[in-house]
């Protein structure tokens, strides 16, 4: 039946010929596009496809998240699912459902087998019977554990001058460090009398090695202990044939005067003594053990004299600790010039040279700090018993000088010197 429309075009119910009222809505309340006055269609969605709560037909808002805050893949705005894990299966702290990070370690740093990245469990054991805390300490950790060791021979001397040794070694493999360190400690950790002689420390300058550090004692105890260490090969370890290993000798400076110390510095740094120094050190100087012409520029001595008291005068004889002689330590002067070695005669020669240089510079005049004067000094009968390893080494490495003759004592129980004579500049 044809509708009757009034003058405005609407029927008795208020709808036009197309079925829309004056506001543009049909009898069900929707406009020509199918949306009601609130902008929603018959299914309850606006022109963008979202309902009154802001979600589309699939239940996601304009950012792609549902009412619980998760996207179609099940992750929230931070990238985690309802269980708190990201797409790779790790929580906000980086651990998976089993409690391990991407590298396979838990919050305490241990893997599923109970070992850390270095292969040790919580007790420090590595599954091979070694304990990391017992065999290799942290850098300088031995300072609190090592000290004076009684020396039957050298305790009687006046002045009593004791020596300590630092010997760096590299291992062929990283996981051999602990095994090698335990061999070292088994051989020389304690003296025959039970005193703690040596400990092993980590050293950041080494690739896969450690540093052997000893207490302070005389040449006799060092000879006894180092013979036990080096009379048999230290398998898997090396020191001389590396680019990283050095050997340092610490000599007590309690009885040193500033004049004595200055003479020792001039002796070691004298360019005319370079052949002698290289023969014993077995390497040239570097920025880690610098040798400088101290006689031409004596400002170093002037600066030291400005300090109050002998201790601080001695400690300020260096521009920095990386000189061939380092006086900055509280109680010792450190001879830093030596290349590492695992040959008994060579290591003992370094100890003997350091001690002999200390006494030689004490007795010699400032005008007679020469190589020949030093050679004559160590050749004296009263000095031979404390320099026979040194004399052996110098006969092999210092041609062209008038050397004291080797006698039966020099040759007695001394292994042949077999190391290379090559030049090495290395950091330590």
Protein backbone atom coordinates (compact mmCIF):
# COMPACT_ATOMS: atom_id res chain seq x y z
CA UNK A 1 0.00 0.00 0.00
CA UNK A 2 1.40 3.37 -1.03
CA UNK A 3 2.47 5.59 1.87
CA UNK A 4 0.91 9.02 2.18
CA UNK A 5 3.59 11.67 2.75
CA UNK A 6 3.06 15.11 4.15
CA UNK A 7 4.39 18.35 2.73
CA UNK A 8 7.80 17.65 4.34
CA UNK A 9 7.97 14.21 2.77
CA UNK A 10 7.29 12.12 5.87
CA UNK A 11 4.50 9.63 6.53
CA UNK A 12 2.32 9.46 9.59
CA UNK A 13 5.10 7.58 11.46
CA UNK A 14 7.63 10.29 10.56
CA UNK A 15 9.62 8.41 7.91
CA UNK A 16 10.40 9.50 4.36
CA UNK A 17 9.95 7.46 1.24
CA UNK A 18 13.29 5.66 1.96
CA UNK A 19 12.26 4.84 5.52
CA UNK A 20 14.39 7.42 7.42
CA UNK A 21 13.18 9.99 9.90
CA UNK A 22 14.15 13.65 10.01
CA UNK A 23 17.43 12.71 11.78
CA UNK A 24 18.30 10.18 9.12
CA UNK A 25 17.55 6.98 11.06
CA UNK A 26 15.22 4.12 10.11
CA UNK A 27 12.68 2.45 12.34
CA UNK A 28 15.44 0.37 13.94
CA UNK A 29 17.51 3.48 14.66
CA UNK A 30 20.20 3.11 11.97
CA UNK A 31 21.27 5.59 9.28
CA UNK A 32 21.78 4.87 5.60
CA UNK A 33 25.28 3.48 6.40
CA UNK A 34 23.87 1.19 9.04
CA UNK A 35 25.06 3.07 12.17
CA UNK A 36 22.96 4.28 15.09
CA UNK A 37 23.15 7.63 16.81
CA UNK A 38 26.12 6.41 18.86
CA UNK A 39 27.96 5.38 15.71
CA UNK A 40 27.61 1.59 16.02
CA UNK A 41 26.06 -0.88 13.58
CA UNK A 42 23.61 -3.63 14.36
CA UNK A 43 26.50 -5.83 15.56
CA UNK A 44 27.72 -3.09 17.89
CA UNK A 45 30.83 -1.95 15.95
CA UNK A 46 31.76 1.53 14.73
CA UNK A 47 33.00 2.49 11.28
CA UNK A 48 36.55 1.36 12.29
CA UNK A 49 35.29 -2.00 13.44
CA UNK A 50 35.49 -1.45 17.23
CA UNK A 51 32.73 -1.83 19.83
CA UNK A 52 31.86 0.50 22.67
CA UNK A 53 34.71 -1.04 24.72
CA UNK A 54 37.20 -0.43 21.91
CA UNK A 55 37.62 -4.01 20.68
CA UNK A 56 37.08 -5.45 17.21
CA UNK A 57 35.14 -8.58 16.32
CA UNK A 58 38.17 -10.68 17.30
CA UNK A 59 38.42 -8.97 20.65
CA UNK A 60 41.48 -6.74 20.00
CA UNK A 61 41.83 -2.98 20.40
CA UNK A 62 43.39 -0.54 17.97
CA UNK A 63 46.89 -1.51 19.23
CA UNK A 64 46.15 -5.17 18.73
CA UNK A 65 45.65 -6.21 22.37
CA UNK A 66 42.65 -7.97 23.93
CA UNK A 67 40.92 -7.15 27.20
CA UNK A 68 43.66 -9.01 29.09
CA UNK A 69 46.36 -7.02 27.34
CA UNK A 70 47.69 -9.69 24.95
CA UNK A 71 47.98 -9.62 21.16
CA UNK A 72 47.00 -12.32 18.71
CA UNK A 73 50.28 -14.13 19.42
CA UNK A 74 49.60 -14.04 23.13
CA UNK A 75 52.15 -11.35 24.15
CA UNK A 76 51.56 -8.10 26.03
CA UNK A 77 52.96 -4.67 25.19
CA UNK A 78 56.26 -5.62 26.89
CA UNK A 79 56.53 -8.76 24.80
CA UNK A 80 55.65 -11.34 27.46
CA UNK A 81 52.86 -13.98 27.47
CA UNK A 82 50.47 -14.80 30.28
CA UNK A 83 53.17 -16.93 31.93
CA UNK A 84 55.65 -14.04 31.78
CA UNK A 85 57.91 -15.30 28.96
CA UNK A 86 58.88 -13.63 25.68
CA UNK A 87 58.85 -15.19 22.21
CA UNK A 88 62.21 -16.84 22.95
CA UNK A 89 60.92 -18.28 26.20
CA UNK A 90 62.68 -15.93 28.67
CA UNK A 91 61.14 -13.81 31.43
CA UNK A 92 61.88 -10.17 32.24
CA UNK A 93 65.04 -11.21 34.09
CA UNK A 94 66.24 -13.28 31.15
CA UNK A 95 65.49 -16.77 32.47
CA UNK A 96 63.38 -19.55 30.90
CA UNK A 97 60.79 -21.76 32.59
CA UNK A 98 63.59 -23.97 33.93
CA UNK A 99 65.37 -20.94 35.40
CA UNK A 100 68.27 -20.67 32.92
CA UNK A 101 69.40 -17.72 30.77
CA UNK A 102 70.23 -17.81 27.07
CA UNK A 103 73.71 -19.11 27.91
CA UNK A 104 72.28 -21.87 30.07
CA UNK A 105 73.05 -20.43 33.53
CA UNK A 106 70.69 -19.79 36.44
CA UNK A 107 70.46 -16.66 38.59
CA UNK A 108 73.45 -17.84 40.62
CA UNK A 109 75.51 -18.44 37.48
CA UNK A 110 75.35 -22.25 37.32
CA UNK A 111 74.18 -24.50 34.47
CA UNK A 112 71.93 -27.55 34.67
CA UNK A 113 74.90 -29.66 35.75
CA UNK A 114 75.72 -27.22 38.53
CA UNK A 115 78.81 -25.59 37.01
CA UNK A 116 79.54 -21.93 36.26
CA UNK A 117 80.97 -20.51 33.05
CA UNK A 118 84.48 -21.45 34.17
CA UNK A 119 83.44 -25.01 34.96
CA UNK A 120 83.23 -24.83 38.76
CA UNK A 121 80.36 -25.73 41.09
CA UNK A 122 79.20 -23.68 44.06
CA UNK A 123 81.93 -25.15 46.24
CA UNK A 124 84.62 -24.28 43.71
CA UNK A 125 85.15 -27.84 42.48
CA UNK A 126 85.50 -28.48 38.77
CA UNK A 127 84.70 -32.17 38.67
CA UNK A 128 88.35 -33.12 38.18
CA UNK A 129 89.28 -32.98 41.84
CA UNK A 130 90.54 -29.38 41.75
CA UNK A 131 89.23 -26.46 43.74
CA UNK A 132 89.49 -23.00 42.22
CA UNK A 133 89.62 -21.25 45.57
CA UNK A 134 92.43 -23.41 46.86
CA UNK A 135 94.90 -23.29 43.98
CA UNK A 136 94.66 -19.89 42.24
CA UNK A 137 93.81 -16.79 44.22
CA UNK A 138 92.81 -13.36 43.01
CA UNK A 139 95.43 -10.81 41.99
CA UNK A 140 97.53 -9.74 45.01
CA UNK A 141 95.56 -12.05 47.32
CA UNK A 142 98.83 -13.60 48.52
CA UNK A 143 99.84 -10.31 50.17
CA UNK A 144 97.78 -11.27 53.20
CA UNK A 145 99.03 -14.85 53.33
CA UNK A 146 102.74 -14.78 52.53
CA UNK A 147 105.51 -13.22 54.57
CA UNK A 148 108.93 -13.81 56.05
CA UNK A 149 110.38 -17.35 55.93
CA UNK A 150 113.30 -18.23 58.19
CA UNK A 151 116.59 -18.68 56.31
CA UNK A 152 119.27 -20.63 58.22
CA UNK A 153 122.10 -18.98 56.28
CA UNK A 154 120.94 -15.48 55.41
CA UNK A 155 119.15 -14.65 58.65
CA UNK A 156 122.59 -14.30 60.21
CA UNK A 157 123.77 -11.64 57.76
CA UNK A 158 124.03 -7.96 58.58
CA UNK A 159 122.15 -6.32 57.01
CA UNK A 160 119.58 -9.06 56.60
CA UNK A 161 118.27 -8.75 53.04
CA UNK A 162 115.46 -11.08 52.01
CA UNK A 163 114.07 -11.68 48.54
CA UNK A 164 110.64 -12.55 47.14
CA UNK A 165 109.89 -13.93 43.70
CA UNK A 166 107.01 -13.42 41.26
CA UNK A 167 107.11 -15.80 38.30
CA UNK A 168 104.47 -15.70 35.56
CA UNK A 169 103.62 -18.83 33.59
CA UNK A 170 101.26 -19.56 30.72
CA UNK A 171 99.39 -22.85 30.29
CA UNK A 172 98.84 -24.52 26.94
CA UNK A 173 95.09 -24.68 27.62
CA UNK A 174 92.82 -22.56 29.79
CA UNK A 175 91.35 -25.56 31.58
CA UNK A 176 94.86 -26.74 32.51
CA UNK A 177 95.48 -23.75 34.79
CA UNK A 178 94.17 -25.33 37.96
CA UNK A 179 95.88 -28.64 37.30
CA UNK A 180 99.20 -26.88 36.75
CA UNK A 181 98.74 -24.63 39.78
CA UNK A 182 98.05 -27.63 41.98
CA UNK A 183 101.27 -29.27 40.78
CA UNK A 184 103.13 -26.07 41.70
CA UNK A 185 101.60 -25.98 45.16
CA UNK A 186 102.18 -29.69 45.72
CA UNK A 187 105.87 -29.17 44.96
CA UNK A 188 106.62 -25.87 46.67
CA UNK A 189 103.52 -24.65 48.53
CA UNK A 190 105.31 -25.18 51.83
CA UNK A 191 108.92 -25.58 52.88
CA UNK A 192 110.28 -28.74 54.48
CA UNK A 193 109.79 -27.01 57.82
CA UNK A 194 106.11 -26.30 57.06
CA UNK A 195 106.29 -22.58 56.27
CA UNK A 196 104.08 -21.36 53.46
CA UNK A 197 106.50 -20.63 50.61
CA UNK A 198 104.38 -19.99 47.49
CA UNK A 199 100.87 -19.28 46.27
CA UNK A 200 99.38 -18.89 42.81
CA UNK A 201 97.43 -15.82 41.70
CA UNK A 202 95.38 -14.73 38.73
CA UNK A 203 97.00 -12.06 36.59
CA UNK A 204 95.00 -10.15 33.99
CA UNK A 205 98.01 -9.67 31.74
CA UNK A 206 98.24 -13.41 31.06
CA UNK A 207 96.29 -15.28 28.40
CA UNK A 208 95.77 -18.61 30.15
CA UNK A 209 98.20 -18.63 33.02
CA UNK A 210 98.87 -17.50 36.55
CA UNK A 211 101.59 -15.98 38.69
CA UNK A 212 103.63 -17.90 41.24
CA UNK A 213 104.32 -15.66 44.24
CA UNK A 214 106.70 -16.55 47.07
CA UNK A 215 107.31 -15.32 50.57
CA UNK A 216 110.47 -13.41 51.54
CA UNK A 217 113.52 -15.47 52.40
CA UNK A 218 117.16 -16.10 51.59
CA UNK A 219 118.77 -17.66 48.53
CA UNK A 220 119.15 -20.95 50.39
CA UNK A 221 115.39 -21.48 50.82
CA UNK A 222 114.70 -20.28 47.29
CA UNK A 223 117.28 -22.78 45.99
CA UNK A 224 115.69 -25.58 48.00
CA UNK A 225 112.13 -24.81 46.89
CA UNK A 226 112.83 -23.94 43.26
CA UNK A 227 114.86 -27.12 42.85
CA UNK A 228 111.76 -29.04 43.93
CA UNK A 229 109.66 -27.08 41.44
CA UNK A 230 111.94 -27.00 38.40
CA UNK A 231 114.09 -30.12 38.61
CA UNK A 232 111.19 -31.89 36.85
CA UNK A 233 109.27 -30.44 33.88
CA UNK A 234 106.18 -28.42 34.69
CA UNK A 235 104.10 -30.07 31.99
CA UNK A 236 101.79 -27.87 29.96
CA UNK A 237 103.39 -24.66 31.24
CA UNK A 238 105.84 -22.19 29.73
CA UNK A 239 107.32 -18.86 30.70
CA UNK A 240 110.41 -17.95 28.64
CA UNK A 241 108.88 -18.65 25.24
CA UNK A 242 105.83 -16.41 25.58
CA UNK A 243 104.97 -12.80 24.84
CA UNK A 244 103.37 -12.25 28.24
CA UNK A 245 105.48 -13.70 31.04
CA UNK A 246 107.91 -11.82 33.24
CA UNK A 247 109.87 -12.55 36.39
CA UNK A 248 110.03 -10.01 39.22
CA UNK A 249 112.31 -10.06 42.23
CA UNK A 250 111.46 -8.07 45.35
CA UNK A 251 114.36 -7.11 47.61
CA UNK A 252 113.91 -5.66 51.09
CA UNK A 253 114.74 -1.97 51.27
CA UNK A 254 114.58 -1.52 55.04
CA UNK A 255 118.32 -0.86 55.20
CA UNK A 256 118.54 1.30 52.07
CA UNK A 257 119.47 4.93 52.19
CA UNK A 258 118.49 7.37 49.46
CA UNK A 259 122.12 7.47 48.32
CA UNK A 260 122.26 3.67 48.10
CA UNK A 261 118.98 3.55 46.14
CA UNK A 262 120.17 6.26 43.75
CA UNK A 263 123.36 4.31 43.01
CA UNK A 264 121.34 1.15 42.32
CA UNK A 265 119.12 3.08 39.89
CA UNK A 266 122.14 4.56 38.12
CA UNK A 267 123.77 1.13 37.85
CA UNK A 268 120.74 -0.61 36.32
CA UNK A 269 119.87 2.28 33.99
CA UNK A 270 123.38 3.11 32.79
CA UNK A 271 123.41 2.65 28.98
CA UNK A 272 127.01 1.42 29.26
CA UNK A 273 125.74 -1.52 31.33
CA UNK A 274 123.16 -2.54 28.73
CA UNK A 275 125.02 -5.72 27.72
CA UNK A 276 125.08 -6.95 31.30
CA UNK A 277 121.43 -6.10 31.94
CA UNK A 278 120.28 -7.77 28.73
CA UNK A 279 122.40 -10.86 29.44
CA UNK A 280 120.59 -11.40 32.74
CA UNK A 281 117.16 -10.02 31.83
CA UNK A 282 117.09 -11.86 28.47
CA UNK A 283 114.91 -9.18 26.95
CA UNK A 284 115.04 -5.51 26.09
CA UNK A 285 113.28 -2.84 28.09
CA UNK A 286 109.68 -1.88 27.32
CA UNK A 287 107.04 0.47 28.67
CA UNK A 288 106.33 -2.16 31.34
CA UNK A 289 109.93 -2.20 32.58
CA UNK A 290 111.44 0.99 31.24
CA UNK A 291 115.17 1.69 31.37
CA UNK A 292 116.02 5.37 31.17
CA UNK A 293 119.22 7.39 31.14
CA UNK A 294 118.96 8.51 34.75
CA UNK A 295 122.37 10.19 34.84
CA UNK A 296 121.66 12.77 32.14
CA UNK A 297 118.47 13.97 33.82
CA UNK A 298 118.66 13.80 37.61
CA UNK A 299 115.29 15.44 38.30
CA UNK A 300 113.97 12.11 39.62
CA UNK A 301 116.39 12.38 42.53
CA UNK A 302 115.54 16.03 43.18
CA UNK A 303 111.85 15.22 43.40
CA UNK A 304 112.49 12.34 45.80
CA UNK A 305 114.57 14.55 48.10
CA UNK A 306 111.61 16.90 48.54
CA UNK A 307 109.67 14.19 50.39
CA UNK A 308 109.70 13.99 54.16
CA UNK A 309 111.39 10.93 55.61
CA UNK A 310 113.42 8.14 54.02
CA UNK A 311 110.42 5.87 53.31
CA UNK A 312 108.63 8.42 51.14
CA UNK A 313 111.84 9.55 49.51
CA UNK A 314 112.48 5.98 48.36
CA UNK A 315 108.88 5.45 47.26
CA UNK A 316 109.02 8.54 45.06
CA UNK A 317 112.13 7.63 43.10
CA UNK A 318 109.94 6.45 40.22
CA UNK A 319 107.81 8.42 37.82
CA UNK A 320 105.60 5.31 37.80
CA UNK A 321 105.92 1.66 38.80
CA UNK A 322 106.63 0.46 35.26
CA UNK A 323 110.35 1.00 35.41
CA UNK A 324 113.10 -1.61 35.53
CA UNK A 325 113.42 -0.79 39.22
CA UNK A 326 110.20 -0.03 41.05
CA UNK A 327 110.63 1.66 44.43
CA UNK A 328 106.96 2.57 44.93
CA UNK A 329 106.17 -0.54 47.03
CA UNK A 330 106.11 0.12 50.79
CA UNK A 331 108.82 -2.37 51.81
CA UNK A 332 110.66 -3.59 48.72
CA UNK A 333 112.43 -2.53 45.58
CA UNK A 334 111.09 -4.55 42.67
CA UNK A 335 113.40 -5.70 39.88
CA UNK A 336 110.99 -5.84 36.92
CA UNK A 337 113.46 -6.36 34.10
CA UNK A 338 113.56 -10.15 33.77
CA UNK A 339 111.97 -12.40 31.20
CA UNK A 340 110.16 -15.42 32.62
CA UNK A 341 111.84 -18.81 32.86
CA UNK A 342 111.20 -22.35 34.06
CA UNK A 343 114.89 -23.29 34.17
CA UNK A 344 116.32 -23.49 37.67
CA UNK A 345 119.69 -21.93 36.86
CA UNK A 346 118.06 -18.96 35.13
CA UNK A 347 115.54 -18.22 37.86
CA UNK A 348 118.22 -18.52 40.55
CA UNK A 349 120.51 -16.29 38.48
CA UNK A 350 117.83 -13.57 38.49
CA UNK A 351 117.52 -13.82 42.27
CA UNK A 352 121.30 -13.77 42.70
CA UNK A 353 121.70 -10.80 40.35
CA UNK A 354 119.07 -8.77 42.24
CA UNK A 355 120.72 -9.47 45.57
CA UNK A 356 124.24 -8.87 44.23
CA UNK A 357 123.19 -5.59 42.58
CA UNK A 358 121.70 -4.45 45.91
CA UNK A 359 124.96 -5.09 47.79
CA UNK A 360 127.25 -3.94 44.96
CA UNK A 361 125.53 -0.55 44.67
CA UNK A 362 125.71 -0.19 48.45
CA UNK A 363 129.49 -0.67 48.51
CA UNK A 364 130.59 0.82 45.17
CA UNK A 365 131.35 4.48 44.67
CA UNK A 366 129.04 6.49 42.46
CA UNK A 367 131.83 6.79 39.90
CA UNK A 368 132.44 3.05 39.64
CA UNK A 369 129.00 1.59 38.85
CA UNK A 370 130.30 -0.25 35.79
CA UNK A 371 129.79 -3.71 34.37
CA UNK A 372 133.39 -4.71 34.99
CA UNK A 373 133.29 -3.46 38.56
CA UNK A 374 130.19 -5.57 39.14
CA UNK A 375 131.79 -8.66 37.57
CA UNK A 376 134.85 -8.19 39.76
CA UNK A 377 132.57 -7.84 42.79
CA UNK A 378 130.62 -11.08 42.22
CA UNK A 379 133.92 -12.89 41.54
CA UNK A 380 135.29 -12.15 45.00
CA UNK A 381 135.70 -15.33 47.11
CA UNK A 382 133.20 -14.13 49.72
CA UNK A 383 130.57 -13.51 47.02
CA UNK A 384 131.00 -16.58 44.84
CA UNK A 385 128.79 -18.88 46.89
CA UNK A 386 125.89 -16.47 46.42
CA UNK A 387 126.42 -15.92 42.68
CA UNK A 388 127.34 -19.31 41.17
CA UNK A 389 124.12 -19.55 39.11
CA UNK A 390 124.65 -15.99 37.92
CA UNK A 391 128.24 -16.67 36.94
CA UNK A 392 127.14 -19.73 34.99
CA UNK A 393 124.57 -17.68 33.08
CA UNK A 394 126.95 -14.82 32.37
CA UNK A 395 129.58 -17.17 30.96
CA UNK A 396 126.94 -18.34 28.49
CA UNK A 397 125.48 -14.93 27.61
CA UNK A 398 128.08 -12.18 28.16
CA UNK A 399 131.04 -12.62 25.81
CA UNK A 400 133.77 -10.01 25.55
CA UNK A 401 134.06 -9.22 29.26
CA UNK A 402 136.62 -10.29 31.86
CA UNK A 403 134.50 -12.78 33.76
CA UNK A 404 135.48 -14.57 36.97
CA UNK A 405 136.50 -18.13 36.21
CA UNK A 406 134.08 -20.92 36.96
CA UNK A 407 135.29 -23.18 39.72
CA UNK A 408 133.99 -26.51 41.02
CA UNK A 409 131.31 -24.79 43.12
CA UNK A 410 130.01 -22.91 40.08
CA UNK A 411 129.66 -26.12 38.10
CA UNK A 412 128.22 -28.18 40.92
CA UNK A 413 124.57 -29.28 40.53
CA UNK A 414 123.82 -26.61 37.93
CA UNK A 415 121.68 -27.72 34.95
CA UNK A 416 122.95 -26.52 31.57
CA UNK A 417 121.52 -23.25 30.33
CA UNK A 418 119.37 -24.26 27.36
CA UNK A 419 117.06 -21.32 26.76
CA UNK A 420 117.16 -19.25 23.60
CA UNK A 421 119.07 -15.97 23.50
CA UNK A 422 116.40 -14.17 21.46
CA UNK A 423 115.11 -10.68 22.16
CA UNK A 424 111.66 -10.29 23.63
CA UNK A 425 109.75 -7.21 24.62
CA UNK A 426 106.66 -8.18 26.56
CA UNK A 427 103.99 -6.79 28.84
CA UNK A 428 103.42 -7.96 32.37
